């Protein structure tokens, strides 16, 4: 599988539409899923998805054939997602840390209830932008708070606080869903 991908990348560097189409077909499902996780609605996710793919094809000659090509693509998509969400940040700034005791141990996982994955994704999508962004970077991209803080130009404490609030928000929604099923 590695050789064909390299072949398609080289085709993309030469602006070959066939290579671009193949790269798109191979990676679109994963990258669209990434956009859905970060954006509040499908329309915004589609916009970012399209814009990020354009950027990826414009910058594909910068790929050095070292490391994961999928990881390289994801970084472009995450940067575009963050840029898009940062434009909204002026309207909805990151919440500052209120109290240190508000933090949940960052290694504590959200209680795993048996709810459909689609429902959990819906709950994540309805988190406020700042919570959703930190939550996704921490859980899905496996970033540490120091990395998140640096990437988003916030303090580590704000990152931890936003993660805590996202987890709390999700737990409340999950518990409410479970309670409604039991009723």
N, C-alpha and C. Protein backbone atom coordinates (compact mmCIF):
# COMPACT_ATOMS: atom_id res chain seq x y z
N UNK A 1 0.83 -1.20 0.00
CA UNK A 1 0.00 0.00 0.00
C UNK A 1 0.87 1.26 0.00
N UNK A 2 2.08 1.17 0.58
CA UNK A 2 2.94 2.34 0.69
C UNK A 2 3.38 2.86 -0.67
N UNK A 3 3.75 1.98 -1.58
CA UNK A 3 4.20 2.44 -2.90
C UNK A 3 3.11 3.15 -3.68
N UNK A 4 1.89 2.62 -3.76
CA UNK A 4 0.87 3.35 -4.51
C UNK A 4 0.61 4.74 -3.93
N UNK A 5 0.61 4.87 -2.61
CA UNK A 5 0.38 6.18 -2.02
C UNK A 5 1.49 7.14 -2.44
N UNK A 6 2.72 6.68 -2.39
CA UNK A 6 3.83 7.53 -2.82
C UNK A 6 3.68 7.91 -4.29
N UNK A 7 3.22 6.97 -5.08
CA UNK A 7 2.99 7.24 -6.51
C UNK A 7 1.92 8.31 -6.69
N UNK A 8 0.84 8.19 -5.93
CA UNK A 8 -0.25 9.17 -6.02
C UNK A 8 0.20 10.54 -5.52
N UNK A 9 1.03 10.55 -4.49
CA UNK A 9 1.55 11.82 -3.98
C UNK A 9 2.39 12.50 -5.06
N UNK A 10 3.24 11.72 -5.71
CA UNK A 10 4.07 12.29 -6.78
C UNK A 10 3.20 12.81 -7.93
N UNK A 11 2.12 12.10 -8.22
CA UNK A 11 1.19 12.58 -9.25
C UNK A 11 0.57 13.92 -8.82
N UNK A 12 0.21 14.02 -7.56
CA UNK A 12 -0.38 15.26 -7.04
C UNK A 12 0.61 16.42 -7.14
N UNK A 13 1.86 16.14 -6.86
CA UNK A 13 2.89 17.17 -6.95
C UNK A 13 2.94 17.73 -8.38
N UNK A 14 2.67 16.86 -9.34
CA UNK A 14 2.66 17.26 -10.75
C UNK A 14 1.28 17.77 -11.19
N UNK A 15 0.39 18.00 -10.24
CA UNK A 15 -0.97 18.49 -10.49
C UNK A 15 -1.82 17.54 -11.32
N UNK A 16 -1.55 16.26 -11.19
CA UNK A 16 -2.31 15.24 -11.92
C UNK A 16 -3.64 15.00 -11.20
N UNK A 17 -4.74 15.20 -11.90
CA UNK A 17 -6.07 15.04 -11.31
C UNK A 17 -6.35 13.60 -10.84
N UNK A 18 -5.81 12.64 -11.57
CA UNK A 18 -6.01 11.24 -11.18
C UNK A 18 -5.39 10.93 -9.83
N UNK A 19 -4.19 11.44 -9.60
CA UNK A 19 -3.53 11.26 -8.32
C UNK A 19 -4.28 11.96 -7.20
N UNK A 20 -4.77 13.18 -7.48
CA UNK A 20 -5.54 13.92 -6.49
C UNK A 20 -6.83 13.16 -6.14
N UNK A 21 -7.47 12.63 -7.15
CA UNK A 21 -8.72 11.89 -6.90
C UNK A 21 -8.45 10.65 -6.05
N UNK A 22 -7.35 9.98 -6.32
CA UNK A 22 -7.03 8.77 -5.56
C UNK A 22 -6.71 9.11 -4.10
N UNK A 23 -5.93 10.15 -3.89
CA UNK A 23 -5.62 10.59 -2.51
C UNK A 23 -6.91 10.96 -1.80
N UNK A 24 -7.76 11.68 -2.50
CA UNK A 24 -9.05 12.08 -1.92
C UNK A 24 -9.86 10.84 -1.53
N UNK A 25 -9.96 9.88 -2.44
CA UNK A 25 -10.74 8.67 -2.15
C UNK A 25 -10.16 7.89 -0.97
N UNK A 26 -8.85 7.84 -0.87
CA UNK A 26 -8.22 7.07 0.20
C UNK A 26 -8.38 7.72 1.58
N UNK A 27 -8.34 9.04 1.63
CA UNK A 27 -8.28 9.72 2.93
C UNK A 27 -9.52 10.52 3.29
N UNK A 28 -10.43 10.75 2.36
CA UNK A 28 -11.61 11.57 2.62
C UNK A 28 -12.44 11.07 3.81
N UNK A 29 -12.72 9.78 3.92
CA UNK A 29 -13.57 9.35 5.05
C UNK A 29 -12.98 9.70 6.42
N UNK A 30 -11.70 9.45 6.60
CA UNK A 30 -11.06 9.74 7.88
C UNK A 30 -11.02 11.25 8.13
N UNK A 31 -10.67 12.01 7.12
CA UNK A 31 -10.52 13.45 7.28
C UNK A 31 -11.86 14.15 7.44
N UNK A 32 -12.88 13.64 6.76
CA UNK A 32 -14.22 14.21 6.96
C UNK A 32 -14.71 13.91 8.38
N UNK A 33 -14.43 12.71 8.85
CA UNK A 33 -14.78 12.36 10.23
C UNK A 33 -14.10 13.29 11.22
N UNK A 34 -12.87 13.66 10.94
CA UNK A 34 -12.14 14.60 11.78
C UNK A 34 -12.86 15.95 11.80
N UNK A 35 -13.27 16.42 10.63
CA UNK A 35 -13.97 17.71 10.54
C UNK A 35 -15.29 17.67 11.29
N UNK A 36 -16.01 16.57 11.19
CA UNK A 36 -17.30 16.43 11.88
C UNK A 36 -17.09 16.51 13.39
N UNK A 37 -16.02 15.92 13.89
CA UNK A 37 -15.75 15.93 15.33
C UNK A 37 -15.52 17.35 15.85
N UNK A 38 -14.90 18.18 15.04
CA UNK A 38 -14.51 19.51 15.52
C UNK A 38 -15.57 20.59 15.26
N UNK A 39 -16.33 20.44 14.22
CA UNK A 39 -17.28 21.50 13.87
C UNK A 39 -18.65 21.20 14.45
N UNK A 40 -19.42 22.26 14.64
CA UNK A 40 -20.71 22.15 15.29
C UNK A 40 -21.78 21.53 14.38
N UNK A 41 -21.64 21.73 13.08
CA UNK A 41 -22.65 21.19 12.17
C UNK A 41 -22.00 20.68 10.88
N UNK A 42 -22.79 19.96 10.13
CA UNK A 42 -22.28 19.30 8.93
C UNK A 42 -21.87 20.31 7.86
N UNK A 43 -22.60 21.40 7.75
CA UNK A 43 -22.29 22.41 6.74
C UNK A 43 -20.90 23.02 7.00
N UNK A 44 -20.63 23.38 8.26
CA UNK A 44 -19.32 23.92 8.60
C UNK A 44 -18.22 22.88 8.39
N UNK A 45 -18.52 21.64 8.73
CA UNK A 45 -17.54 20.57 8.55
C UNK A 45 -17.19 20.40 7.07
N UNK A 46 -18.20 20.45 6.22
CA UNK A 46 -17.97 20.32 4.77
C UNK A 46 -17.12 21.47 4.24
N UNK A 47 -17.40 22.69 4.72
CA UNK A 47 -16.62 23.85 4.28
C UNK A 47 -15.15 23.71 4.65
N UNK A 48 -14.89 23.36 5.91
CA UNK A 48 -13.50 23.20 6.35
C UNK A 48 -12.84 22.04 5.61
N UNK A 49 -13.57 20.95 5.44
CA UNK A 49 -13.06 19.78 4.73
C UNK A 49 -12.57 20.18 3.34
N UNK A 50 -13.40 20.90 2.62
CA UNK A 50 -13.04 21.30 1.25
C UNK A 50 -11.84 22.26 1.26
N UNK A 51 -11.88 23.25 2.14
CA UNK A 51 -10.78 24.21 2.22
C UNK A 51 -9.46 23.53 2.60
N UNK A 52 -9.52 22.60 3.52
CA UNK A 52 -8.31 21.92 3.98
C UNK A 52 -7.74 21.03 2.88
N UNK A 53 -8.60 20.39 2.10
CA UNK A 53 -8.09 19.57 1.00
C UNK A 53 -7.40 20.44 -0.05
N UNK A 54 -7.95 21.61 -0.32
CA UNK A 54 -7.32 22.54 -1.27
C UNK A 54 -5.93 22.91 -0.75
N UNK A 55 -5.84 23.23 0.53
CA UNK A 55 -4.55 23.58 1.13
C UNK A 55 -3.58 22.40 1.03
N UNK A 56 -4.08 21.20 1.33
CA UNK A 56 -3.21 20.01 1.27
C UNK A 56 -2.64 19.81 -0.13
N UNK A 57 -3.48 19.96 -1.15
CA UNK A 57 -2.98 19.78 -2.51
C UNK A 57 -2.03 20.91 -2.91
N UNK A 58 -2.26 22.10 -2.39
CA UNK A 58 -1.34 23.21 -2.68
C UNK A 58 0.01 23.00 -2.02
N UNK A 59 0.02 22.34 -0.86
CA UNK A 59 1.25 22.17 -0.09
C UNK A 59 1.86 20.78 -0.23
N UNK A 60 1.29 19.94 -1.07
CA UNK A 60 1.72 18.55 -1.11
C UNK A 60 3.20 18.40 -1.50
N UNK A 61 3.73 19.37 -2.24
CA UNK A 61 5.15 19.30 -2.61
C UNK A 61 6.05 19.47 -1.37
N UNK A 62 5.49 19.94 -0.26
CA UNK A 62 6.26 20.10 0.98
C UNK A 62 6.35 18.79 1.77
N UNK A 63 5.53 17.81 1.39
CA UNK A 63 5.62 16.51 2.08
C UNK A 63 6.96 15.87 1.72
N UNK A 64 7.69 15.41 2.72
CA UNK A 64 9.06 14.91 2.53
C UNK A 64 9.15 13.38 2.44
N UNK A 65 8.03 12.71 2.36
CA UNK A 65 8.00 11.25 2.28
C UNK A 65 8.65 10.63 3.51
N UNK A 66 8.52 11.33 4.64
CA UNK A 66 9.01 10.82 5.92
C UNK A 66 7.81 10.77 6.86
N UNK A 67 7.68 9.72 7.57
CA UNK A 67 6.54 9.61 8.49
C UNK A 67 5.25 9.32 7.74
N UNK A 68 4.20 9.38 8.48
CA UNK A 68 2.88 9.04 7.95
C UNK A 68 2.31 10.17 7.09
N UNK A 69 1.91 9.84 5.88
CA UNK A 69 1.26 10.83 5.02
C UNK A 69 -0.10 11.20 5.61
N UNK A 70 -0.79 10.22 6.16
CA UNK A 70 -2.07 10.50 6.79
C UNK A 70 -1.90 11.47 7.96
N UNK A 71 -0.85 11.29 8.73
CA UNK A 71 -0.56 12.21 9.83
C UNK A 71 -0.27 13.62 9.33
N UNK A 72 0.45 13.71 8.22
CA UNK A 72 0.75 15.00 7.60
C UNK A 72 -0.55 15.68 7.17
N UNK A 73 -1.44 14.91 6.54
CA UNK A 73 -2.74 15.45 6.13
C UNK A 73 -3.56 15.90 7.33
N UNK A 74 -3.58 15.06 8.37
CA UNK A 74 -4.36 15.40 9.56
C UNK A 74 -3.89 16.70 10.17
N UNK A 75 -2.59 16.92 10.17
CA UNK A 75 -2.05 18.16 10.75
C UNK A 75 -2.58 19.37 9.96
N UNK A 76 -2.62 19.27 8.65
CA UNK A 76 -3.17 20.37 7.84
C UNK A 76 -4.64 20.59 8.19
N UNK A 77 -5.39 19.52 8.31
CA UNK A 77 -6.81 19.62 8.63
C UNK A 77 -7.02 20.20 10.03
N UNK A 78 -6.25 19.74 10.98
CA UNK A 78 -6.38 20.25 12.36
C UNK A 78 -6.04 21.74 12.39
N UNK A 79 -4.99 22.13 11.69
CA UNK A 79 -4.63 23.55 11.65
C UNK A 79 -5.75 24.39 11.03
N UNK A 80 -6.37 23.88 9.98
CA UNK A 80 -7.47 24.60 9.34
C UNK A 80 -8.68 24.66 10.27
N UNK A 81 -8.95 23.57 10.97
CA UNK A 81 -10.06 23.55 11.92
C UNK A 81 -9.83 24.56 13.03
N UNK A 82 -8.61 24.58 13.56
CA UNK A 82 -8.29 25.53 14.63
C UNK A 82 -8.38 26.97 14.12
N UNK A 83 -7.86 27.20 12.93
CA UNK A 83 -7.95 28.55 12.35
C UNK A 83 -9.42 28.98 12.21
N UNK A 84 -10.25 28.10 11.73
CA UNK A 84 -11.67 28.41 11.56
C UNK A 84 -12.33 28.68 12.91
N UNK A 85 -12.04 27.85 13.89
CA UNK A 85 -12.63 28.05 15.22
C UNK A 85 -12.08 29.29 15.90
N UNK A 86 -10.82 29.62 15.64
CA UNK A 86 -10.23 30.82 16.23
C UNK A 86 -10.88 32.09 15.69
N UNK A 87 -11.37 32.04 14.45
CA UNK A 87 -12.09 33.19 13.91
C UNK A 87 -13.35 33.45 14.72
N UNK A 88 -13.93 32.39 15.26
CA UNK A 88 -15.13 32.52 16.08
C UNK A 88 -14.79 32.83 17.53
N UNK A 89 -13.53 32.66 17.87
CA UNK A 89 -13.08 32.82 19.25
C UNK A 89 -13.38 34.23 19.77
N UNK A 90 -13.33 35.21 18.89
CA UNK A 90 -13.61 36.58 19.31
C UNK A 90 -15.03 36.69 19.87
N UNK A 91 -15.93 35.91 19.30
CA UNK A 91 -17.32 35.94 19.76
C UNK A 91 -17.49 35.08 21.00
N UNK A 92 -16.69 34.04 21.12
CA UNK A 92 -16.85 33.09 22.22
C UNK A 92 -15.46 32.75 22.78
N UNK A 93 -14.89 33.63 23.61
CA UNK A 93 -13.52 33.40 24.07
C UNK A 93 -13.40 32.19 24.98
N UNK A 94 -12.18 31.67 25.07
CA UNK A 94 -11.91 30.56 25.97
C UNK A 94 -12.19 31.02 27.39
N UNK A 95 -12.76 30.16 28.16
CA UNK A 95 -13.04 30.49 29.54
C UNK A 95 -11.75 30.39 30.34
N UNK A 96 -11.53 31.34 31.19
CA UNK A 96 -10.34 31.30 32.04
C UNK A 96 -10.58 30.35 33.19
N UNK A 97 -9.50 29.95 33.81
CA UNK A 97 -9.57 29.04 34.93
C UNK A 97 -10.25 29.73 36.10
N UNK A 98 -11.22 29.07 36.70
CA UNK A 98 -11.90 29.64 37.85
C UNK A 98 -11.24 29.19 39.14
N UNK A 99 -11.21 27.89 39.36
CA UNK A 99 -10.62 27.35 40.59
C UNK A 99 -9.85 26.08 40.24
N UNK A 100 -8.70 25.94 40.84
CA UNK A 100 -7.89 24.76 40.60
C UNK A 100 -8.64 23.49 40.99
N UNK A 101 -9.47 23.57 42.05
CA UNK A 101 -10.17 22.36 42.51
C UNK A 101 -11.28 21.93 41.54
N UNK A 102 -11.59 22.77 40.55
CA UNK A 102 -12.60 22.40 39.55
C UNK A 102 -12.08 21.31 38.62
N UNK A 103 -10.77 21.09 38.60
CA UNK A 103 -10.20 20.15 37.65
C UNK A 103 -10.52 18.71 38.03
N UNK A 104 -10.78 17.94 37.00
CA UNK A 104 -10.89 16.50 37.14
C UNK A 104 -9.53 15.96 36.77
N UNK A 105 -9.11 14.88 37.37
CA UNK A 105 -7.85 14.26 36.98
C UNK A 105 -7.87 14.06 35.48
N UNK A 106 -6.86 14.61 34.78
CA UNK A 106 -6.89 14.58 33.33
C UNK A 106 -6.84 13.17 32.74
N UNK A 107 -6.40 12.22 33.51
CA UNK A 107 -6.37 10.85 33.01
C UNK A 107 -7.72 10.16 33.19
N UNK A 108 -8.62 10.77 33.95
CA UNK A 108 -9.93 10.17 34.16
C UNK A 108 -10.70 10.15 32.85
N UNK A 109 -11.16 9.01 32.49
CA UNK A 109 -11.90 8.87 31.25
C UNK A 109 -13.38 9.16 31.51
N UNK A 110 -14.05 9.55 30.46
CA UNK A 110 -15.50 9.71 30.56
C UNK A 110 -16.08 8.32 30.79
N UNK A 111 -17.00 8.24 31.73
CA UNK A 111 -17.62 6.95 32.01
C UNK A 111 -18.15 6.37 30.71
N UNK A 112 -17.86 5.10 30.50
CA UNK A 112 -18.29 4.49 29.25
C UNK A 112 -19.65 3.85 29.44
N UNK A 113 -20.62 4.47 28.82
CA UNK A 113 -21.97 3.95 28.82
C UNK A 113 -22.20 3.36 27.44
N UNK A 114 -23.13 2.45 27.35
CA UNK A 114 -23.40 1.90 26.03
C UNK A 114 -24.44 2.78 25.35
N UNK A 115 -23.93 3.79 24.66
CA UNK A 115 -24.78 4.64 23.86
C UNK A 115 -24.25 4.57 22.44
N UNK A 116 -25.10 4.78 21.47
CA UNK A 116 -24.63 4.71 20.07
C UNK A 116 -23.54 5.76 19.81
N UNK A 117 -22.58 5.38 19.01
CA UNK A 117 -21.46 6.26 18.68
C UNK A 117 -21.97 7.56 18.05
N UNK A 118 -23.02 7.45 17.24
CA UNK A 118 -23.59 8.63 16.58
C UNK A 118 -24.11 9.63 17.61
N UNK A 119 -24.71 9.10 18.68
CA UNK A 119 -25.26 9.96 19.73
C UNK A 119 -24.13 10.66 20.49
N UNK A 120 -23.07 9.92 20.78
CA UNK A 120 -21.92 10.52 21.46
C UNK A 120 -21.31 11.62 20.58
N UNK A 121 -21.17 11.36 19.28
CA UNK A 121 -20.65 12.36 18.36
C UNK A 121 -21.55 13.59 18.34
N UNK A 122 -22.85 13.37 18.37
CA UNK A 122 -23.80 14.49 18.42
C UNK A 122 -23.58 15.32 19.68
N UNK A 123 -23.41 14.65 20.81
CA UNK A 123 -23.16 15.36 22.07
C UNK A 123 -21.87 16.19 21.98
N UNK A 124 -20.83 15.59 21.40
CA UNK A 124 -19.56 16.29 21.26
C UNK A 124 -19.73 17.51 20.35
N UNK A 125 -20.46 17.34 19.26
CA UNK A 125 -20.67 18.45 18.32
C UNK A 125 -21.42 19.61 18.97
N UNK A 126 -22.23 19.33 19.97
CA UNK A 126 -23.01 20.39 20.61
C UNK A 126 -22.30 21.04 21.80
N UNK A 127 -21.08 20.61 22.06
CA UNK A 127 -20.29 21.30 23.08
C UNK A 127 -19.94 22.69 22.57
N UNK A 128 -19.78 23.66 23.47
CA UNK A 128 -19.29 24.97 23.02
C UNK A 128 -17.95 24.79 22.31
N UNK A 129 -17.67 25.65 21.34
CA UNK A 129 -16.48 25.51 20.51
C UNK A 129 -15.21 25.30 21.32
N UNK A 130 -15.01 26.10 22.36
CA UNK A 130 -13.75 26.02 23.11
C UNK A 130 -13.63 24.68 23.83
N UNK A 131 -14.73 24.15 24.33
CA UNK A 131 -14.69 22.85 25.00
C UNK A 131 -14.44 21.73 23.99
N UNK A 132 -15.18 21.79 22.88
CA UNK A 132 -15.07 20.75 21.86
C UNK A 132 -13.65 20.68 21.30
N UNK A 133 -13.05 21.83 21.06
CA UNK A 133 -11.71 21.86 20.49
C UNK A 133 -10.70 21.21 21.42
N UNK A 134 -10.70 21.60 22.68
CA UNK A 134 -9.76 21.02 23.64
C UNK A 134 -10.05 19.53 23.83
N UNK A 135 -11.32 19.18 23.95
CA UNK A 135 -11.71 17.78 24.13
C UNK A 135 -11.19 16.92 22.98
N UNK A 136 -11.41 17.36 21.74
CA UNK A 136 -10.98 16.59 20.58
C UNK A 136 -9.46 16.48 20.49
N UNK A 137 -8.76 17.58 20.74
CA UNK A 137 -7.30 17.53 20.68
C UNK A 137 -6.75 16.59 21.74
N UNK A 138 -7.36 16.60 22.92
CA UNK A 138 -6.87 15.76 24.01
C UNK A 138 -7.20 14.28 23.78
N UNK A 139 -8.46 13.98 23.51
CA UNK A 139 -8.87 12.58 23.40
C UNK A 139 -8.59 11.94 22.04
N UNK A 140 -8.85 12.66 20.96
CA UNK A 140 -8.72 12.06 19.64
C UNK A 140 -7.33 12.22 19.04
N UNK A 141 -6.69 13.35 19.32
CA UNK A 141 -5.36 13.59 18.77
C UNK A 141 -4.26 13.24 19.76
N UNK A 142 -4.66 12.87 20.99
CA UNK A 142 -3.74 12.43 22.05
C UNK A 142 -2.69 13.49 22.40
N UNK A 143 -3.09 14.75 22.33
CA UNK A 143 -2.18 15.83 22.71
C UNK A 143 -2.22 16.04 24.21
N UNK A 144 -1.13 16.50 24.75
CA UNK A 144 -1.04 16.87 26.17
C UNK A 144 -1.47 18.32 26.31
N UNK A 145 -1.80 18.71 27.54
CA UNK A 145 -2.28 20.08 27.77
C UNK A 145 -1.25 21.13 27.36
N UNK A 146 0.02 20.82 27.55
CA UNK A 146 1.06 21.76 27.17
C UNK A 146 1.03 22.02 25.66
N UNK A 147 0.86 20.95 24.87
CA UNK A 147 0.77 21.09 23.41
C UNK A 147 -0.48 21.86 23.01
N UNK A 148 -1.60 21.52 23.64
CA UNK A 148 -2.87 22.18 23.33
C UNK A 148 -2.76 23.66 23.65
N UNK A 149 -2.22 23.98 24.81
CA UNK A 149 -2.07 25.38 25.22
C UNK A 149 -1.22 26.15 24.22
N UNK A 150 -0.13 25.56 23.81
CA UNK A 150 0.74 26.21 22.84
C UNK A 150 0.04 26.40 21.50
N UNK A 151 -0.64 25.39 21.04
CA UNK A 151 -1.33 25.43 19.75
C UNK A 151 -2.44 26.47 19.74
N UNK A 152 -3.16 26.60 20.85
CA UNK A 152 -4.33 27.48 20.91
C UNK A 152 -4.02 28.83 21.56
N UNK A 153 -2.78 29.03 21.98
CA UNK A 153 -2.39 30.27 22.66
C UNK A 153 -3.24 30.52 23.90
N UNK A 154 -3.35 29.49 24.72
CA UNK A 154 -4.05 29.60 26.00
C UNK A 154 -3.13 29.01 27.07
N UNK A 155 -3.50 29.17 28.32
CA UNK A 155 -2.68 28.58 29.38
C UNK A 155 -3.02 27.09 29.52
N UNK A 156 -2.11 26.35 30.13
CA UNK A 156 -2.38 24.94 30.40
C UNK A 156 -3.58 24.81 31.32
N UNK A 157 -3.71 25.70 32.27
CA UNK A 157 -4.85 25.67 33.18
C UNK A 157 -6.17 25.86 32.46
N UNK A 158 -6.18 26.75 31.47
CA UNK A 158 -7.39 26.95 30.68
C UNK A 158 -7.71 25.70 29.88
N UNK A 159 -6.68 25.06 29.35
CA UNK A 159 -6.88 23.82 28.61
C UNK A 159 -7.50 22.76 29.53
N UNK A 160 -6.94 22.62 30.71
CA UNK A 160 -7.45 21.63 31.67
C UNK A 160 -8.89 21.96 32.08
N UNK A 161 -9.13 23.22 32.31
CA UNK A 161 -10.47 23.66 32.72
C UNK A 161 -11.50 23.37 31.63
N UNK A 162 -11.14 23.69 30.39
CA UNK A 162 -12.06 23.44 29.28
C UNK A 162 -12.29 21.95 29.06
N UNK A 163 -11.26 21.14 29.24
CA UNK A 163 -11.44 19.69 29.14
C UNK A 163 -12.37 19.20 30.24
N UNK A 164 -12.14 19.67 31.45
CA UNK A 164 -12.98 19.27 32.57
C UNK A 164 -14.44 19.63 32.31
N UNK A 165 -14.67 20.83 31.84
CA UNK A 165 -16.04 21.27 31.58
C UNK A 165 -16.67 20.49 30.42
N UNK A 166 -15.88 20.16 29.42
CA UNK A 166 -16.40 19.35 28.31
C UNK A 166 -16.82 17.97 28.81
N UNK A 167 -15.96 17.35 29.62
CA UNK A 167 -16.27 16.03 30.15
C UNK A 167 -17.50 16.08 31.05
N UNK A 168 -17.60 17.10 31.87
CA UNK A 168 -18.75 17.25 32.75
C UNK A 168 -20.03 17.43 31.94
N UNK A 169 -19.95 18.24 30.92
CA UNK A 169 -21.10 18.48 30.04
C UNK A 169 -21.54 17.18 29.36
N UNK A 170 -20.57 16.44 28.85
CA UNK A 170 -20.89 15.17 28.18
C UNK A 170 -21.48 14.16 29.16
N UNK A 171 -20.92 14.08 30.36
CA UNK A 171 -21.44 13.14 31.35
C UNK A 171 -22.89 13.45 31.69
N UNK A 172 -23.21 14.74 31.83
CA UNK A 172 -24.60 15.13 32.12
C UNK A 172 -25.53 14.71 31.01
N UNK A 173 -25.12 14.91 29.77
CA UNK A 173 -25.96 14.54 28.62
C UNK A 173 -26.13 13.02 28.54
N UNK A 174 -25.06 12.29 28.80
CA UNK A 174 -25.12 10.83 28.76
C UNK A 174 -26.03 10.31 29.87
N UNK A 175 -25.87 10.86 31.07
CA UNK A 175 -26.72 10.44 32.19
C UNK A 175 -28.18 10.76 31.92
N UNK A 176 -28.45 11.93 31.33
CA UNK A 176 -29.83 12.29 30.99
C UNK A 176 -30.40 11.33 29.96
N UNK A 177 -29.59 10.95 28.99
CA UNK A 177 -30.04 9.99 27.98
C UNK A 177 -30.33 8.63 28.61
N UNK A 178 -29.44 8.19 29.48
CA UNK A 178 -29.63 6.90 30.14
C UNK A 178 -30.88 6.92 31.03
N UNK A 179 -31.11 8.03 31.72
CA UNK A 179 -32.28 8.17 32.58
C UNK A 179 -33.56 8.14 31.77
N UNK A 180 -33.53 8.76 30.58
CA UNK A 180 -34.72 8.76 29.74
C UNK A 180 -35.01 7.36 29.17
N UNK A 181 -33.97 6.57 28.99
CA UNK A 181 -34.15 5.18 28.51
C UNK A 181 -34.75 4.32 29.60
N UNK A 182 -34.37 4.61 30.85
CA UNK A 182 -34.88 3.82 31.98
C UNK A 182 -36.32 4.17 32.35
N UNK A 183 -36.75 5.35 31.95
CA UNK A 183 -38.10 5.81 32.33
C UNK A 183 -39.18 5.10 31.57
